[in-house]
Amino acid sequence: MKQKHYSYLVIMLLSLCMPIYAFQIDGDLSDWGVTPASDLNANIGIASWIEDYVGSNGYVGPAYGGQPYDVEALYVAVDNSNIYFAMVLGMPPEGSHGVPYSSNYFYPGDLAFDLNGDGEFEYGLEFTGHSDNSPNGGPANGEYTYEPEKIGNIYEVSNSQGWNQGLDISGYTETELNYRQSQYLTLIGNTSVVYVQSDDPEHYVVETSIPLALLEYEVDSNWLFHWTMTCGNDIGEVTTLYSPFIPPTPSVPEPFSFLLLGISIAGIYLRRK
C-alpha cells in the first residue's frame, strides 16, 4: 500500500509542475501574454486590436476625454467550449467624469458581438450593471440605473432597438444593452465577468468567457466584437475567424528537467525498497 501512495505523490508533483495554459478569468492577463502598462501584444494565435493613444487635450479618437476614456486593447481566443474575451482600458467599472468642459458622468458599455458576419450585433454581454436606460442613450438625463445582479448576463438581441446608442461623435454606434426595450432582449445565460484595476493605476482589465453552447454562430464567417463607453468617445473592435486556439508547446526549462530526474530516481528507489 505504501508503494501506491508514493506513486500518487509522484503523479501529484508532476501535475503541479506542468505548465497550465487555460485562460483563467481573474483579471491577470499574463496567460494572454499581456502586461497592461507596458506590453499589449498577446501570444501568437490570439486575435487582438490595439490602439493605446491619448493625444493633445485628451483626444482619444473619435472624441476627447483623456486616459479615463481610452480603449487600449481587445483580445479574443476560442477553444472547443468557450470564447474568451479580455480588454485593457482606462475607465473604471463605476464610470468616469473626465470629459473636458463637462460634468456629465459616463459609464462603461456592454460587449456587443456578431457571430455570423452580417454586421448586426445579435448578442450582448452585460459588463457592469450600469445602464443609461434611455430610449436613445442620451447622456446625463437622470435615468441612469445600477443593477449589479445583471452583471454577466448574456442576451440574444433581436434588432437594433435592443441597443442604446452612443453620442453623435461616434456615429451613434451601439454602446449598451437597452433594458427599456426589453422585448428585444432574450436572456440566454450568465457568465463570470472580472473588471478590476491592473497593477498600473491608470489601467483596468476586463476578462470573461462565453460558452459556445449558448450561441448560434457560423464557423466560416468573421466574428466581430465591439465595445465602447456610453458616450462613445473611444471605440474598440476586434475581428476573428472561428479557429480553436492551440497554445504553443513550451520548451522544458532546466530546473524542471532536474526535478523530473529527481522524482524518477526517487520512484525507482522506493519501488526497489
Protein backbone atom coordinates (compact mmCIF):
# COMPACT_ATOMS: atom_id res chain seq x y z
CA MET A 1 0.00 0.00 0.00
CA LYS A 2 2.82 2.41 0.78
CA GLN A 3 4.21 1.92 -2.70
CA LYS A 4 0.85 3.00 -4.21
CA HIS A 5 0.79 6.11 -2.04
CA TYR A 6 4.27 7.01 -3.27
CA SER A 7 3.06 6.64 -6.88
CA TYR A 8 0.17 9.01 -6.21
CA LEU A 9 2.62 11.51 -4.71
CA VAL A 10 4.82 11.38 -7.81
CA ILE A 11 1.81 11.96 -10.09
CA MET A 12 0.64 14.87 -7.97
CA LEU A 13 4.06 16.51 -8.04
CA LEU A 14 4.23 16.15 -11.81
CA SER A 15 0.80 17.76 -12.24
CA LEU A 16 1.85 20.69 -10.08
CA CYS A 17 4.97 21.24 -12.16
CA MET A 18 3.36 21.08 -15.61
CA PRO A 19 2.59 24.42 -17.31
CA ILE A 20 -1.08 25.48 -17.33
CA TYR A 21 -2.43 27.16 -20.47
CA ALA A 22 -6.17 27.51 -19.82
CA PHE A 23 -7.32 31.12 -19.62
CA GLN A 24 -8.08 31.98 -16.02
CA ILE A 25 -10.87 34.57 -15.58
CA ASP A 26 -9.11 36.51 -12.85
CA GLY A 27 -8.08 39.90 -14.28
CA ASP A 28 -4.45 38.79 -14.70
CA LEU A 29 -3.61 38.86 -18.41
CA SER A 30 -0.24 37.12 -18.14
CA ASP A 31 -1.84 33.96 -19.57
CA TRP A 32 -2.65 36.06 -22.64
CA GLY A 33 0.95 37.29 -22.81
CA VAL A 34 -0.16 40.84 -21.94
CA THR A 35 1.17 43.35 -19.41
CA PRO A 36 -1.34 46.26 -19.47
CA ALA A 37 1.03 49.13 -18.64
CA SER A 38 3.96 48.07 -20.84
CA ASP A 39 3.25 45.34 -23.40
CA LEU A 40 -0.14 44.97 -25.08
CA ASN A 41 0.99 42.33 -27.60
CA ALA A 42 -0.73 39.00 -26.98
CA ASN A 43 0.56 35.47 -27.56
CA ILE A 44 0.53 34.05 -31.08
CA GLY A 45 -2.88 32.68 -32.04
CA ILE A 46 -4.89 35.29 -30.11
CA ALA A 47 -6.89 37.83 -32.11
CA SER A 48 -6.23 41.38 -30.93
CA TRP A 49 -6.98 45.04 -31.56
CA ILE A 50 -4.53 47.56 -30.05
CA GLU A 51 -4.77 51.36 -30.05
CA ASP A 52 -3.07 52.85 -27.00
CA TYR A 53 -3.25 56.55 -27.79
CA VAL A 54 -4.15 59.71 -25.90
CA GLY A 55 -3.42 62.86 -27.91
CA SER A 56 -3.17 66.53 -27.02
CA ASN A 57 -6.02 67.96 -24.94
CA GLY A 58 -7.14 64.42 -24.11
CA TYR A 59 -8.10 63.37 -27.63
CA VAL A 60 -8.65 59.59 -27.82
CA GLY A 61 -10.47 59.36 -31.15
CA PRO A 62 -13.13 59.79 -32.26
CA ALA A 63 -13.51 62.27 -29.37
CA TYR A 64 -11.92 63.61 -26.19
CA GLY A 65 -11.71 62.51 -22.57
CA GLY A 66 -8.11 61.55 -21.84
CA GLN A 67 -6.99 58.33 -20.17
CA PRO A 68 -10.34 57.58 -18.45
CA TYR A 69 -11.88 57.32 -21.94
CA ASP A 70 -9.08 55.46 -23.70
CA VAL A 71 -9.85 51.97 -25.02
CA GLU A 72 -6.41 50.42 -25.44
CA ALA A 73 -6.77 46.78 -26.43
CA LEU A 74 -9.28 43.98 -27.06
CA TYR A 75 -8.43 40.26 -27.24
CA VAL A 76 -10.36 37.16 -28.32
CA ALA A 77 -9.45 33.46 -28.22
CA VAL A 78 -11.64 30.42 -28.89
CA ASP A 79 -11.41 26.80 -27.84
CA ASN A 80 -13.86 23.94 -28.32
CA SER A 81 -16.05 25.11 -25.43
CA ASN A 82 -15.73 28.88 -24.95
CA ILE A 83 -15.00 32.28 -26.40
CA TYR A 84 -12.51 34.08 -24.16
CA PHE A 85 -12.54 37.88 -24.18
CA ALA A 86 -10.24 40.41 -22.50
CA MET A 87 -9.87 44.17 -22.64
CA VAL A 88 -7.50 46.90 -21.38
CA LEU A 89 -8.94 50.37 -20.91
CA GLY A 90 -8.76 53.50 -18.78
CA MET A 91 -12.34 53.67 -17.47
CA PRO A 92 -13.14 52.22 -14.02
CA PRO A 93 -16.20 49.98 -13.68
CA GLU A 94 -18.14 52.72 -11.86
CA GLY A 95 -17.64 55.15 -14.77
CA SER A 96 -15.82 58.48 -15.16
CA HIS A 97 -16.19 62.23 -15.43
CA GLY A 98 -13.12 63.17 -17.41
CA VAL A 99 -14.59 64.89 -20.46
CA PRO A 100 -13.18 68.46 -20.70
CA TYR A 101 -15.70 71.26 -20.08
CA SER A 102 -18.36 68.84 -18.91
CA SER A 103 -19.59 67.47 -15.59
CA ASN A 104 -21.50 64.59 -17.20
CA TYR A 105 -20.84 61.15 -15.78
CA PHE A 106 -20.39 58.32 -18.28
CA TYR A 107 -20.29 54.56 -17.79
CA PRO A 108 -18.67 51.53 -19.39
CA GLY A 109 -20.74 50.00 -22.15
CA ASP A 110 -21.50 46.34 -22.76
CA LEU A 111 -19.87 43.84 -25.10
CA ALA A 112 -21.62 43.56 -28.48
CA PHE A 113 -20.77 40.70 -30.81
CA ASP A 114 -21.73 39.39 -34.23
CA LEU A 115 -21.04 35.71 -34.96
CA ASN A 116 -22.49 35.32 -38.44
CA GLY A 117 -20.83 38.12 -40.39
CA ASP A 118 -23.98 40.11 -41.17
CA GLY A 119 -22.80 43.30 -39.46
CA GLU A 120 -25.56 43.19 -36.82
CA PHE A 121 -24.75 42.65 -33.15
CA GLU A 122 -27.11 39.82 -32.27
CA TYR A 123 -25.57 39.11 -28.85
CA GLY A 124 -24.71 41.28 -25.87
CA LEU A 125 -22.94 40.70 -22.56
CA GLU A 126 -23.66 42.93 -19.55
CA PHE A 127 -20.36 44.12 -18.05
CA THR A 128 -21.12 46.32 -15.03
CA GLY A 129 -24.85 46.63 -14.30
CA HIS A 130 -24.72 50.37 -15.03
CA SER A 131 -27.24 51.39 -17.65
CA ASP A 132 -28.42 54.62 -19.24
CA ASN A 133 -31.89 53.11 -19.75
CA SER A 134 -32.96 55.97 -22.02
CA PRO A 135 -34.55 55.23 -25.39
CA ASN A 136 -31.71 56.83 -27.37
CA GLY A 137 -28.78 56.63 -24.97
CA GLY A 138 -28.54 60.37 -24.29
CA PRO A 139 -26.09 61.33 -21.52
CA ALA A 140 -26.83 62.87 -18.12
CA ASN A 141 -30.61 62.57 -18.38
CA GLY A 142 -31.12 61.41 -14.80
CA GLU A 143 -32.21 57.94 -15.85
CA TYR A 144 -29.02 56.03 -15.09
CA THR A 145 -29.53 52.88 -13.06
CA TYR A 146 -27.29 50.33 -11.39
CA GLU A 147 -28.38 46.69 -11.29
CA PRO A 148 -25.39 44.54 -10.31
CA GLU A 149 -27.50 41.38 -10.43
CA LYS A 150 -27.37 41.67 -14.23
CA ILE A 151 -23.55 41.50 -14.43
CA GLY A 152 -22.53 38.60 -16.65
CA ASN A 153 -25.95 38.17 -18.27
CA ILE A 154 -25.77 37.10 -21.91
CA TYR A 155 -28.59 38.26 -24.16
CA GLU A 156 -29.72 37.49 -27.65
CA VAL A 157 -30.61 40.84 -29.24
CA SER A 158 -33.31 40.62 -31.92
CA ASN A 159 -32.72 44.02 -33.56
CA SER A 160 -31.01 47.39 -33.14
CA GLN A 161 -33.68 48.59 -30.70
CA GLY A 162 -32.06 46.29 -28.17
CA TRP A 163 -29.05 48.61 -28.02
CA ASN A 164 -28.64 52.08 -26.57
CA GLN A 165 -26.72 54.29 -28.97
CA GLY A 166 -23.69 56.47 -28.25
CA LEU A 167 -23.39 60.18 -28.94
CA ASP A 168 -23.08 61.56 -32.45
CA ILE A 169 -19.30 61.78 -32.07
CA SER A 170 -19.19 58.01 -32.51
CA GLY A 171 -21.85 57.79 -35.20
CA TYR A 172 -24.47 56.57 -32.72
CA THR A 173 -22.82 53.18 -32.51
CA GLU A 174 -24.05 50.51 -30.08
CA THR A 175 -22.94 51.24 -26.53
CA GLU A 176 -25.02 49.21 -24.08
CA LEU A 177 -27.97 46.87 -23.79
CA ASN A 178 -31.24 48.82 -23.78
CA TYR A 179 -33.39 47.44 -20.97
CA ARG A 180 -36.18 49.92 -21.69
CA GLN A 181 -36.68 47.95 -24.88
CA SER A 182 -36.54 44.61 -23.09
CA GLN A 183 -38.85 42.96 -25.63
CA TYR A 184 -35.83 42.85 -27.95
CA LEU A 185 -33.63 41.12 -25.36
CA THR A 186 -33.74 37.42 -24.55
CA LEU A 187 -31.67 36.23 -21.59
CA ILE A 188 -29.87 33.03 -22.63
CA GLY A 189 -27.30 32.55 -19.87
CA ASN A 190 -24.86 34.06 -17.41
CA THR A 191 -21.10 34.02 -17.07
CA SER A 192 -18.33 35.41 -14.87
CA VAL A 193 -17.04 38.92 -15.60
CA VAL A 194 -13.94 40.30 -13.89
CA TYR A 195 -13.47 44.09 -14.18
CA VAL A 196 -10.55 45.21 -12.00
CA GLN A 197 -7.76 47.75 -11.73
CA SER A 198 -4.45 46.43 -13.01
CA ASP A 199 -1.06 46.86 -11.34
CA ASP A 200 -0.84 50.23 -13.08
CA PRO A 201 -3.40 52.63 -11.51
CA GLU A 202 -4.34 54.11 -14.91
CA HIS A 203 -5.38 50.80 -16.44
CA TYR A 204 -8.33 48.49 -15.92
CA VAL A 205 -8.75 44.93 -17.13
CA VAL A 206 -11.97 43.19 -18.17
CA GLU A 207 -11.94 39.43 -18.64
CA THR A 208 -14.72 36.93 -19.31
CA SER A 209 -15.60 33.73 -21.14
CA ILE A 210 -18.73 32.93 -23.15
CA PRO A 211 -19.93 29.31 -23.54
CA LEU A 212 -20.27 28.38 -27.20
CA ALA A 213 -23.17 26.07 -26.35
CA LEU A 214 -25.37 29.13 -25.68
CA LEU A 215 -24.76 30.69 -29.09
CA GLU A 216 -25.62 30.27 -32.74
CA TYR A 217 -22.63 31.00 -34.97
CA GLU A 218 -21.10 30.37 -38.37
CA VAL A 219 -17.64 28.83 -38.42
CA ASP A 220 -16.75 30.28 -41.84
CA SER A 221 -17.69 33.92 -41.10
CA ASN A 222 -15.80 36.77 -39.50
CA TRP A 223 -16.71 37.21 -35.82
CA LEU A 224 -16.84 40.86 -34.70
CA PHE A 225 -16.57 42.05 -31.08
CA HIS A 226 -17.32 45.69 -30.25
CA TRP A 227 -17.04 47.83 -27.12
CA THR A 228 -17.34 51.50 -26.22
CA MET A 229 -18.36 53.58 -23.22
CA THR A 230 -21.84 55.15 -23.01
CA CYS A 231 -20.60 58.40 -24.53
CA GLY A 232 -18.78 56.68 -27.39
CA ASN A 233 -15.64 58.81 -27.03
CA ASP A 234 -13.40 55.90 -28.00
CA ILE A 235 -14.27 52.64 -29.71
CA GLY A 236 -12.59 49.25 -29.83
CA GLU A 237 -13.38 46.39 -32.23
CA VAL A 238 -11.64 43.09 -32.88
CA THR A 239 -12.39 40.62 -35.66
CA THR A 240 -11.51 36.94 -35.73
CA LEU A 241 -12.40 33.75 -37.55
CA TYR A 242 -13.56 30.67 -35.68
CA SER A 243 -10.30 28.87 -35.05
CA PRO A 244 -9.75 26.99 -31.78
CA PHE A 245 -6.69 28.38 -30.01
CA ILE A 246 -3.78 25.94 -29.65
CA PRO A 247 -1.15 27.16 -27.18
CA PRO A 248 2.47 26.85 -28.30
CA THR A 249 4.39 23.89 -26.91
CA PRO A 250 6.89 25.29 -24.41
CA SER A 251 10.50 24.23 -24.17
CA VAL A 252 11.10 22.34 -20.92
CA PRO A 253 13.17 24.50 -18.57
CA GLU A 254 16.30 23.01 -17.00
CA PRO A 255 15.07 23.16 -13.37
CA PHE A 256 12.00 21.19 -14.42
CA SER A 257 14.21 18.58 -16.12
CA PHE A 258 16.24 18.15 -12.96
CA LEU A 259 13.06 17.83 -10.91
CA LEU A 260 11.78 15.10 -13.22
CA LEU A 261 15.09 13.26 -12.92
CA GLY A 262 14.99 13.50 -9.14
CA ILE A 263 11.43 12.23 -8.96
CA SER A 264 12.27 9.33 -11.28
CA ILE A 265 15.26 8.29 -9.18
CA ALA A 266 13.19 8.54 -6.01
CA GLY A 267 10.45 6.43 -7.59
CA ILE A 268 12.91 3.72 -8.61
CA TYR A 269 14.42 3.68 -5.14
CA LEU A 270 11.05 3.43 -3.41
CA ARG A 271 9.92 0.66 -5.75
CA ARG A 272 13.06 -1.39 -5.08
CA LYS A 273 12.71 -0.82 -1.38
